[in-house]
Protein backbone atom coordinates (compact mmCIF):
# COMPACT_ATOMS: atom_id res chain seq x y z
CA MET A 1 136.90 25.98 -76.79
CA GLU A 2 133.89 25.70 -77.98
CA LYS A 3 132.68 27.79 -79.96
CA LYS A 4 129.54 30.13 -78.49
CA MET A 5 126.21 29.51 -80.21
CA LEU A 6 124.54 33.66 -80.46
CA LYS A 7 120.55 33.45 -79.43
CA LYS A 8 118.03 34.17 -82.75
CA SER A 9 115.98 36.85 -82.60
CA LYS A 10 112.74 37.29 -84.62
CA PHE A 11 113.07 40.93 -84.67
CA GLU A 12 116.65 40.23 -86.62
CA ILE A 13 114.84 37.92 -89.13
CA THR A 14 111.86 39.72 -89.70
CA MET A 15 114.45 42.79 -90.41
CA TYR A 16 115.82 40.54 -93.20
CA VAL A 17 112.58 39.29 -94.30
CA ILE A 18 111.31 42.83 -95.31
CA SER A 19 114.69 43.61 -96.57
CA GLY A 20 114.29 40.83 -99.36
CA LEU A 21 110.44 41.42 -99.81
CA LEU A 22 111.67 45.22 -100.68
CA ALA A 23 114.33 44.12 -103.05
CA VAL A 24 112.20 41.51 -104.89
CA TYR A 25 109.71 44.75 -105.36
CA THR A 26 112.53 46.81 -106.71
CA VAL A 27 112.89 44.33 -109.44
CA TYR A 28 108.77 43.86 -110.13
CA MET A 29 108.94 47.78 -109.71
CA LEU A 30 111.90 47.69 -112.70
CA TYR A 31 110.37 45.72 -114.73
CA SER A 32 106.81 46.98 -114.66
CA THR A 33 108.10 50.76 -115.18
CA ILE A 34 110.37 49.80 -118.34
CA THR A 35 106.94 47.57 -119.49
CA TYR A 36 105.06 50.94 -119.11
CA LEU A 37 108.13 53.14 -120.62
CA THR A 38 107.85 51.11 -123.60
CA SER A 39 103.85 51.03 -124.52
CA TYR A 40 103.78 54.55 -123.90
CA PHE A 41 106.43 55.45 -126.29
CA SER A 42 105.20 53.38 -128.81
CA GLN A 43 101.49 54.48 -128.43
CA TYR A 44 103.23 57.99 -129.49
CA GLY A 45 105.01 56.64 -132.51
CA SER A 46 108.92 57.13 -130.73
CA SER A 47 110.77 54.30 -129.36
CA LEU A 48 112.78 54.06 -125.13
CA SER A 49 115.74 54.74 -126.52
CA SER A 50 115.08 57.48 -128.67
CA ASN A 51 113.43 58.90 -124.85
CA PHE A 52 116.63 57.29 -122.76
CA GLY A 53 117.21 60.45 -120.80
CA THR A 54 113.88 60.60 -119.68
CA ALA A 55 113.32 56.91 -119.13
CA ILE A 56 116.02 56.85 -116.77
CA GLY A 57 114.70 59.72 -114.94
CA TYR A 58 111.36 58.21 -114.83
CA ILE A 59 112.80 54.86 -113.79
CA LEU A 60 114.88 55.85 -111.07
CA THR A 61 111.94 57.94 -109.91
CA GLN A 62 109.48 54.51 -109.50
CA CYS A 63 112.84 52.21 -107.85
CA LEU A 64 115.31 53.67 -106.11
CA VAL A 65 112.47 54.67 -103.39
CA TYR A 66 111.91 50.83 -102.59
CA LEU A 67 115.88 49.81 -103.46
CA VAL A 68 117.36 52.33 -100.94
CA TYR A 69 114.78 50.98 -98.07
CA ALA A 70 116.06 47.67 -98.74
CA ILE A 71 119.52 48.65 -98.25
CA LEU A 72 118.71 50.65 -95.46
CA THR A 73 117.10 47.97 -93.89
CA PHE A 74 118.99 45.11 -94.51
CA ALA A 75 121.59 47.49 -93.20
CA ALA A 76 119.76 48.02 -89.90
CA ALA A 77 119.70 44.13 -89.84
CA LYS A 78 123.20 43.50 -90.22
CA ILE A 79 123.78 46.21 -87.31
CA TYR A 80 121.34 44.71 -84.69
CA HIS A 81 122.70 41.95 -85.37
CA GLU A 82 126.66 42.98 -84.54
CA VAL A 83 125.07 45.11 -81.53
CA ARG A 84 123.43 41.50 -80.36
CA LYS A 85 126.44 40.04 -80.60
CA ALA A 86 128.40 42.18 -78.20
CA ASN A 87 126.02 41.35 -75.12
CA PRO A 88 127.04 38.35 -74.12
CA ASP A 89 123.38 38.07 -72.61
CA ASN A 90 122.74 36.91 -75.39
CA TYR A 91 124.37 33.75 -76.32
CA LEU A 92 123.34 30.31 -75.79
CA SER A 93 124.47 28.68 -72.47
CA GLU A 94 126.95 25.48 -72.30
CA ALA A 95 123.89 23.10 -71.27
CA GLU A 96 121.39 24.82 -74.22
CA SER A 97 123.93 24.95 -77.00
CA LYS A 98 124.46 20.96 -76.22
CA ALA A 99 120.88 19.94 -76.36
CA ILE A 100 120.59 21.81 -79.31
CA LEU A 101 123.63 19.49 -80.79
CA ARG A 102 122.20 16.89 -79.36
CA ALA A 103 118.71 17.34 -81.23
CA LYS A 104 120.47 17.73 -84.58
CA GLU A 105 122.76 14.89 -83.70
CA ALA A 106 119.07 12.90 -83.29
CA LYS A 107 117.29 14.08 -86.30
CA LYS A 108 120.03 13.19 -88.83
CA ALA A 109 119.98 9.79 -87.07
CA ALA A 110 116.16 9.58 -87.36
CA LYS A 111 115.85 10.55 -91.25
CA ALA A 112 118.90 8.37 -91.94
CA GLU A 113 116.89 6.21 -90.16
CA ALA A 114 113.87 6.69 -91.86
CA LYS A 115 115.88 7.02 -95.02
CA VAL A 116 116.64 2.99 -94.39
CA VAL A 117 113.44 1.92 -94.09
CA LYS A 118 111.87 3.82 -97.02
CA GLU A 119 114.20 1.74 -99.27
CA GLU A 120 113.66 -1.46 -97.43
CA ALA A 121 110.13 -0.69 -98.35
CA LYS A 122 110.83 0.18 -101.64
CA ALA A 123 112.67 -2.57 -102.19
CA GLU A 124 110.06 -4.98 -101.16
CA GLU A 125 107.60 -3.28 -103.35
CA VAL A 126 109.64 -4.25 -106.43
CA SER A 127 110.23 -7.60 -105.52
CA GLU A 128 106.63 -7.82 -105.30
CA GLU A 129 105.05 -6.44 -108.33
CA PRO A 130 105.90 -8.95 -110.80
CA LYS A 131 104.05 -11.29 -108.96
CA ASP A 132 101.41 -8.90 -109.07
CA GLU A 133 101.49 -8.96 -112.76
CA ALA A 134 101.71 -12.72 -113.75
CA ALA A 135 98.96 -12.43 -111.12
CA GLU A 136 96.96 -9.84 -112.92
CA ASP A 137 97.72 -11.49 -116.76
CA VAL A 138 95.76 -14.90 -115.27
CA LYS A 139 92.60 -13.19 -114.33
CA GLU A 140 92.71 -11.35 -117.99
CA GLU A 141 92.89 -14.45 -119.51
CA THR A 142 90.56 -16.64 -117.48
CA SER A 143 88.24 -14.13 -117.88
CA GLU A 144 88.28 -13.35 -121.73
CA GLU A 145 87.85 -17.35 -121.87
CA ASP A 146 84.56 -17.00 -119.20
CA ALA A 147 83.61 -14.57 -122.13
CA LYS A 148 83.81 -16.28 -125.15
CA GLU A 149 82.29 -19.65 -123.27
CA ALA A 150 79.63 -17.29 -122.11
CA GLU A 151 79.17 -16.49 -126.15
CA GLU A 152 79.40 -19.80 -127.12
CA LYS A 153 76.37 -20.79 -124.85
């Protein structure tokens, strides 16, 4: 029995992307907050470690909201995915899944063929380069000799 393929959902993908962006923003806010607190405490001759309780409270206030949003968005996307799996209408038909598999195989074959053509072209370039270098050396020697002859005249 073939494994049925679930259709892709733009909403689900969007939710995962938003979750990732919120996670990245959480890390940015964490860095920004720690940098701010370090400069703030050093301005008053104190250190971050001596005011650790205050610093943790401020860091959590600034960063925790975005972390919770990221987790909730990810959970919503995961729940949506599981709910979609329960509905048989969200799966591809056999013809559609076979067409997708054929397209993937054709794409792999085209990549392999392009790679072979590229390697052949590269091999031809390598074999042609020494001929070109020899021709350039002859041209340089000829032009140097012509310049010397012109100076003598």
